[in-house]
């Protein structure tokens, strides 16, 4: 089939990664930030999200 469509096998078998819903992540970040009296920075928010099972880079949080 790949030969007929003239595409690479890796393209045919490529599966996208399930990305977390951006709204859910943003809501979680904002909730933690406001819950801690707007005193938490990206590193502390990252730790709290990791405790909840969400792994996100501090750069993305910022």
PDB file of N, CA and C in Angstrom:
ATOM      1  N   UNK A   1       0.817  -1.178   0.000  1.00  0.00           N
ATOM      2  CA  UNK A   1       0.000   0.000   0.000  1.00  0.00           C
ATOM      3  C   UNK A   1       0.871   1.256   0.000  1.00  0.00           C
ATOM      4  N   UNK A   2       1.961   1.234   0.750  1.00  0.00           N
ATOM      5  CA  UNK A   2       2.846   2.388   0.807  1.00  0.00           C
ATOM      6  C   UNK A   2       3.475   2.676  -0.556  1.00  0.00           C
ATOM      7  N   UNK A   3       3.755   1.611  -1.303  1.00  0.00           N
ATOM      8  CA  UNK A   3       4.332   1.797  -2.637  1.00  0.00           C
ATOM      9  C   UNK A   3       3.333   2.465  -3.572  1.00  0.00           C
ATOM     10  N   UNK A   4       2.065   2.063  -3.463  1.00  0.00           N
ATOM     11  CA  UNK A   4       1.030   2.640  -4.325  1.00  0.00           C
ATOM     12  C   UNK A   4       0.832   4.125  -3.992  1.00  0.00           C
ATOM     13  N   UNK A   5       0.802   4.442  -2.701  1.00  0.00           N
ATOM     14  CA  UNK A   5       0.599   5.825  -2.280  1.00  0.00           C
ATOM     15  C   UNK A   5       1.881   6.652  -2.327  1.00  0.00           C
ATOM     16  N   UNK A   6       2.997   5.986  -2.506  1.00  0.00           N
ATOM     17  CA  UNK A   6       4.318   6.598  -2.547  1.00  0.00           C
ATOM     18  C   UNK A   6       4.604   7.392  -1.266  1.00  0.00           C
ATOM     19  N   UNK A   7       4.399   6.709  -0.147  1.00  0.00           N
ATOM     20  CA  UNK A   7       4.725   7.288   1.154  1.00  0.00           C
ATOM     21  C   UNK A   7       5.617   6.322   1.914  1.00  0.00           C
ATOM     22  N   UNK A   8       6.325   6.826   2.883  1.00  0.00           N
ATOM     23  CA  UNK A   8       7.207   5.990   3.694  1.00  0.00           C
ATOM     24  C   UNK A   8       6.379   5.139   4.661  1.00  0.00           C
ATOM     25  N   UNK A   9       6.932   3.983   5.028  1.00  0.00           N
ATOM     26  CA  UNK A   9       6.244   3.105   5.972  1.00  0.00           C
ATOM     27  C   UNK A   9       6.037   3.803   7.318  1.00  0.00           C
ATOM     28  N   UNK A  10       7.021   4.597   7.719  1.00  0.00           N
ATOM     29  CA  UNK A  10       6.902   5.283   9.005  1.00  0.00           C
ATOM     30  C   UNK A  10       5.726   6.260   9.005  1.00  0.00           C
ATOM     31  N   UNK A  11       5.428   6.864   7.869  1.00  0.00           N
ATOM     32  CA  UNK A  11       4.286   7.766   7.770  1.00  0.00           C
ATOM     33  C   UNK A  11       2.983   6.998   7.912  1.00  0.00           C
ATOM     34  N   UNK A  12       2.936   5.821   7.313  1.00  0.00           N
ATOM     35  CA  UNK A  12       1.726   5.005   7.361  1.00  0.00           C
ATOM     36  C   UNK A  12       1.432   4.520   8.779  1.00  0.00           C
ATOM     37  N   UNK A  13       2.492   4.138   9.506  1.00  0.00           N
ATOM     38  CA  UNK A  13       2.305   3.590  10.842  1.00  0.00           C
ATOM     39  C   UNK A  13       2.391   4.635  11.948  1.00  0.00           C
ATOM     40  N   UNK A  14       2.573   5.889  11.564  1.00  0.00           N
ATOM     41  CA  UNK A  14       2.699   6.962  12.550  1.00  0.00           C
ATOM     42  C   UNK A  14       1.416   7.110  13.351  1.00  0.00           C
ATOM     43  N   UNK A  15       1.563   7.194  14.679  1.00  0.00           N
ATOM     44  CA  UNK A  15       0.439   7.433  15.566  1.00  0.00           C
ATOM     45  C   UNK A  15       0.746   8.683  16.378  1.00  0.00           C
ATOM     46  N   UNK A  16      -0.200   9.577  16.438  1.00  0.00           N
ATOM     47  CA  UNK A  16       0.022  10.781  17.211  1.00  0.00           C
ATOM     48  C   UNK A  16      -0.032  10.461  18.698  1.00  0.00           C
ATOM     49  N   UNK A  17       0.743  11.196  19.450  1.00  0.00           N
ATOM     50  CA  UNK A  17       0.735  11.035  20.893  1.00  0.00           C
ATOM     51  C   UNK A  17      -0.510  11.707  21.435  1.00  0.00           C
ATOM     52  N   UNK A  18      -1.081  11.113  22.462  1.00  0.00           N
ATOM     53  CA  UNK A  18      -2.246  11.720  23.090  1.00  0.00           C
ATOM     54  C   UNK A  18      -1.779  12.898  23.932  1.00  0.00           C
ATOM     55  N   UNK A  19      -2.118  14.078  23.484  1.00  0.00           N
ATOM     56  CA  UNK A  19      -1.752  15.268  24.231  1.00  0.00           C
ATOM     57  C   UNK A  19      -2.869  15.611  25.202  1.00  0.00           C
ATOM     58  N   UNK A  20      -2.462  16.058  26.360  1.00  0.00           N
ATOM     59  CA  UNK A  20      -3.442  16.476  27.347  1.00  0.00           C
ATOM     60  C   UNK A  20      -4.207  17.673  26.805  1.00  0.00           C
ATOM     61  N   UNK A  21      -5.429  17.768  27.159  1.00  0.00           N
ATOM     62  CA  UNK A  21      -6.237  18.883  26.726  1.00  0.00           C
ATOM     63  C   UNK A  21      -5.673  20.171  27.316  1.00  0.00           C
ATOM     64  N   UNK A  22      -5.410  21.144  26.459  1.00  0.00           N
ATOM     65  CA  UNK A  22      -4.808  22.396  26.892  1.00  0.00           C
ATOM     66  C   UNK A  22      -5.654  23.110  27.946  1.00  0.00           C
ATOM     67  N   UNK A  23      -6.972  23.026  27.810  1.00  0.00           N
ATOM     68  CA  UNK A  23      -7.844  23.691  28.773  1.00  0.00           C
ATOM     69  C   UNK A  23      -7.705  23.074  30.159  1.00  0.00           C
ATOM     70  N   UNK A  24      -7.568  21.765  30.210  1.00  0.00           N
ATOM     71  CA  UNK A  24      -7.416  21.071  31.490  1.00  0.00           C
ATOM     72  C   UNK A  24      -6.094  21.467  32.145  1.00  0.00           C
ATOM     73  N   UNK A  25      -5.027  21.515  31.355  1.00  0.00           N
ATOM     74  CA  UNK A  25      -3.723  21.894  31.902  1.00  0.00           C
ATOM     75  C   UNK A  25      -3.731  23.336  32.386  1.00  0.00           C
ATOM     76  N   UNK A  26      -4.280  24.219  31.577  1.00  0.00           N
ATOM     77  CA  UNK A  26      -4.325  25.631  31.957  1.00  0.00           C
ATOM     78  C   UNK A  26      -5.149  25.827  33.223  1.00  0.00           C
ATOM     79  N   UNK A  27      -6.263  25.136  33.312  1.00  0.00           N
ATOM     80  CA  UNK A  27      -7.120  25.255  34.495  1.00  0.00           C
ATOM     81  C   UNK A  27      -6.388  24.756  35.740  1.00  0.00           C
ATOM     82  N   UNK A  28      -5.651  23.662  35.604  1.00  0.00           N
ATOM     83  CA  UNK A  28      -4.908  23.113  36.746  1.00  0.00           C
ATOM     84  C   UNK A  28      -3.821  24.077  37.199  1.00  0.00           C
ATOM     85  N   UNK A  29      -3.125  24.683  36.249  1.00  0.00           N
ATOM     86  CA  UNK A  29      -2.053  25.627  36.575  1.00  0.00           C
ATOM     87  C   UNK A  29      -2.629  26.856  37.282  1.00  0.00           C
ATOM     88  N   UNK A  30      -3.689  27.409  36.727  1.00  0.00           N
ATOM     89  CA  UNK A  30      -4.304  28.606  37.309  1.00  0.00           C
ATOM     90  C   UNK A  30      -4.875  28.306  38.696  1.00  0.00           C
ATOM     91  N   UNK A  31      -5.465  27.130  38.850  1.00  0.00           N
ATOM     92  CA  UNK A  31      -6.029  26.750  40.148  1.00  0.00           C
ATOM     93  C   UNK A  31      -4.952  26.683  41.223  1.00  0.00           C
ATOM     94  N   UNK A  32      -3.833  26.051  40.913  1.00  0.00           N
ATOM     95  CA  UNK A  32      -2.730  25.949  41.871  1.00  0.00           C
ATOM     96  C   UNK A  32      -2.189  27.336  42.190  1.00  0.00           C
ATOM     97  N   UNK A  33      -2.035  28.160  41.168  1.00  0.00           N
ATOM     98  CA  UNK A  33      -1.486  29.501  41.348  1.00  0.00           C
ATOM     99  C   UNK A  33      -2.364  30.340  42.284  1.00  0.00           C
ATOM    100  N   UNK A  34      -3.673  30.313  42.057  1.00  0.00           N
ATOM    101  CA  UNK A  34      -4.584  31.103  42.885  1.00  0.00           C
ATOM    102  C   UNK A  34      -4.782  30.496  44.273  1.00  0.00           C
ATOM    103  N   UNK A  35      -4.730  29.184  44.352  1.00  0.00           N
ATOM    104  CA  UNK A  35      -4.917  28.513  45.643  1.00  0.00           C
ATOM    105  C   UNK A  35      -3.778  28.848  46.611  1.00  0.00           C
ATOM    106  N   UNK A  36      -2.608  29.061  46.081  1.00  0.00           N
ATOM    107  CA  UNK A  36      -1.435  29.359  46.918  1.00  0.00           C
ATOM    108  C   UNK A  36      -1.157  30.858  46.982  1.00  0.00           C
ATOM    109  N   UNK A  37      -2.212  31.637  46.880  1.00  0.00           N
ATOM    110  CA  UNK A  37      -2.169  33.099  47.049  1.00  0.00           C
ATOM    111  C   UNK A  37      -1.231  33.786  46.060  1.00  0.00           C
ATOM    112  N   UNK A  38      -1.155  33.256  44.868  1.00  0.00           N
ATOM    113  CA  UNK A  38      -0.358  33.824  43.774  1.00  0.00           C
ATOM    114  C   UNK A  38       1.119  33.954  44.137  1.00  0.00           C
ATOM    115  N   UNK A  39       1.595  33.051  44.985  1.00  0.00           N
ATOM    116  CA  UNK A  39       2.976  33.100  45.441  1.00  0.00           C
ATOM    117  C   UNK A  39       3.843  32.004  44.833  1.00  0.00           C
ATOM    118  N   UNK A  40       3.238  31.023  44.162  1.00  0.00           N
ATOM    119  CA  UNK A  40       4.002  29.918  43.595  1.00  0.00           C
ATOM    120  C   UNK A  40       4.553  30.299  42.234  1.00  0.00           C
ATOM    121  N   UNK A  41       5.805  29.927  42.014  1.00  0.00           N
ATOM    122  CA  UNK A  41       6.432  30.101  40.719  1.00  0.00           C
ATOM    123  C   UNK A  41       6.301  28.835  39.897  1.00  0.00           C
ATOM    124  N   UNK A  42       6.971  28.811  38.759  1.00  0.00           N
ATOM    125  CA  UNK A  42       6.837  27.681  37.844  1.00  0.00           C
ATOM    126  C   UNK A  42       7.369  26.386  38.438  1.00  0.00           C
ATOM    127  N   UNK A  43       8.445  26.461  39.198  1.00  0.00           N
ATOM    128  CA  UNK A  43       9.022  25.229  39.746  1.00  0.00           C
ATOM    129  C   UNK A  43       8.110  24.580  40.779  1.00  0.00           C
ATOM    130  N   UNK A  44       7.528  25.388  41.657  1.00  0.00           N
ATOM    131  CA  UNK A  44       6.620  24.834  42.662  1.00  0.00           C
ATOM    132  C   UNK A  44       5.331  24.330  42.017  1.00  0.00           C
ATOM    133  N   UNK A  45       4.862  25.032  41.003  1.00  0.00           N
ATOM    134  CA  UNK A  45       3.665  24.566  40.293  1.00  0.00           C
ATOM    135  C   UNK A  45       3.956  23.247  39.597  1.00  0.00           C
ATOM    136  N   UNK A  46       5.158  23.118  39.043  1.00  0.00           N
ATOM    137  CA  UNK A  46       5.545  21.871  38.376  1.00  0.00           C
ATOM    138  C   UNK A  46       5.529  20.702  39.351  1.00  0.00           C
ATOM    139  N   UNK A  47       6.012  20.918  40.566  1.00  0.00           N
ATOM    140  CA  UNK A  47       6.023  19.870  41.588  1.00  0.00           C
ATOM    141  C   UNK A  47       4.601  19.464  41.950  1.00  0.00           C
ATOM    142  N   UNK A  48       3.719  20.447  42.127  1.00  0.00           N
ATOM    143  CA  UNK A  48       2.319  20.153  42.475  1.00  0.00           C
ATOM    144  C   UNK A  48       1.621  19.399  41.353  1.00  0.00           C
ATOM    145  N   UNK A  49       1.887  19.766  40.096  1.00  0.00           N
ATOM    146  CA  UNK A  49       1.283  19.058  38.968  1.00  0.00           C
ATOM    147  C   UNK A  49       1.803  17.627  38.878  1.00  0.00           C
ATOM    148  N   UNK A  50       3.084  17.448  39.197  1.00  0.00           N
ATOM    149  CA  UNK A  50       3.664  16.099  39.177  1.00  0.00           C
ATOM    150  C   UNK A  50       3.017  15.220  40.238  1.00  0.00           C
ATOM    151  N   UNK A  51       2.668  15.807  41.379  1.00  0.00           N
ATOM    152  CA  UNK A  51       1.958  15.069  42.428  1.00  0.00           C
ATOM    153  C   UNK A  51       0.583  14.624  41.946  1.00  0.00           C
ATOM    154  N   UNK A  52      -0.026  15.394  41.043  1.00  0.00           N
ATOM    155  CA  UNK A  52      -1.334  15.063  40.487  1.00  0.00           C
ATOM    156  C   UNK A  52      -1.226  14.121  39.286  1.00  0.00           C
ATOM    157  N   UNK A  53       0.003  13.797  38.880  1.00  0.00           N
ATOM    158  CA  UNK A  53       0.192  12.887  37.760  1.00  0.00           C
ATOM    159  C   UNK A  53       0.339  13.561  36.418  1.00  0.00           C
ATOM    160  N   UNK A  54       0.505  14.873  36.403  1.00  0.00           N
ATOM    161  CA  UNK A  54       0.690  15.616  35.161  1.00  0.00           C
ATOM    162  C   UNK A  54       2.143  16.048  35.051  1.00  0.00           C
ATOM    163  N   UNK A  55       2.821  15.617  34.008  1.00  0.00           N
ATOM    164  CA  UNK A  55       4.220  15.969  33.812  1.00  0.00           C
ATOM    165  C   UNK A  55       4.295  17.016  32.707  1.00  0.00           C
ATOM    166  N   UNK A  56       4.689  18.228  33.112  1.00  0.00           N
ATOM    167  CA  UNK A  56       4.772  19.352  32.197  1.00  0.00           C
ATOM    168  C   UNK A  56       6.071  20.097  32.507  1.00  0.00           C
ATOM    169  N   UNK A  57       6.720  20.633  31.490  1.00  0.00           N
ATOM    170  CA  UNK A  57       7.943  21.373  31.723  1.00  0.00           C
ATOM    171  C   UNK A  57       7.640  22.721  32.358  1.00  0.00           C
ATOM    172  N   UNK A  58       8.592  23.207  33.127  1.00  0.00           N
ATOM    173  CA  UNK A  58       8.380  24.505  33.768  1.00  0.00           C
ATOM    174  C   UNK A  58       8.338  25.624  32.732  1.00  0.00           C
ATOM    175  N   UNK A  59       8.990  25.418  31.617  1.00  0.00           N
ATOM    176  CA  UNK A  59       8.948  26.408  30.534  1.00  0.00           C
ATOM    177  C   UNK A  59       7.535  26.519  29.968  1.00  0.00           C
ATOM    178  N   UNK A  60       6.864  25.406  29.829  1.00  0.00           N
ATOM    179  CA  UNK A  60       5.500  25.411  29.328  1.00  0.00           C
ATOM    180  C   UNK A  60       4.546  26.032  30.346  1.00  0.00           C
ATOM    181  N   UNK A  61       4.789  25.810  31.617  1.00  0.00           N
ATOM    182  CA  UNK A  61       3.986  26.400  32.669  1.00  0.00           C
ATOM    183  C   UNK A  61       4.113  27.917  32.642  1.00  0.00           C
ATOM    184  N   UNK A  62       5.344  28.386  32.462  1.00  0.00           N
ATOM    185  CA  UNK A  62       5.593  29.828  32.420  1.00  0.00           C
ATOM    186  C   UNK A  62       4.911  30.470  31.263  1.00  0.00           C
TER     187      UNK A  62
END
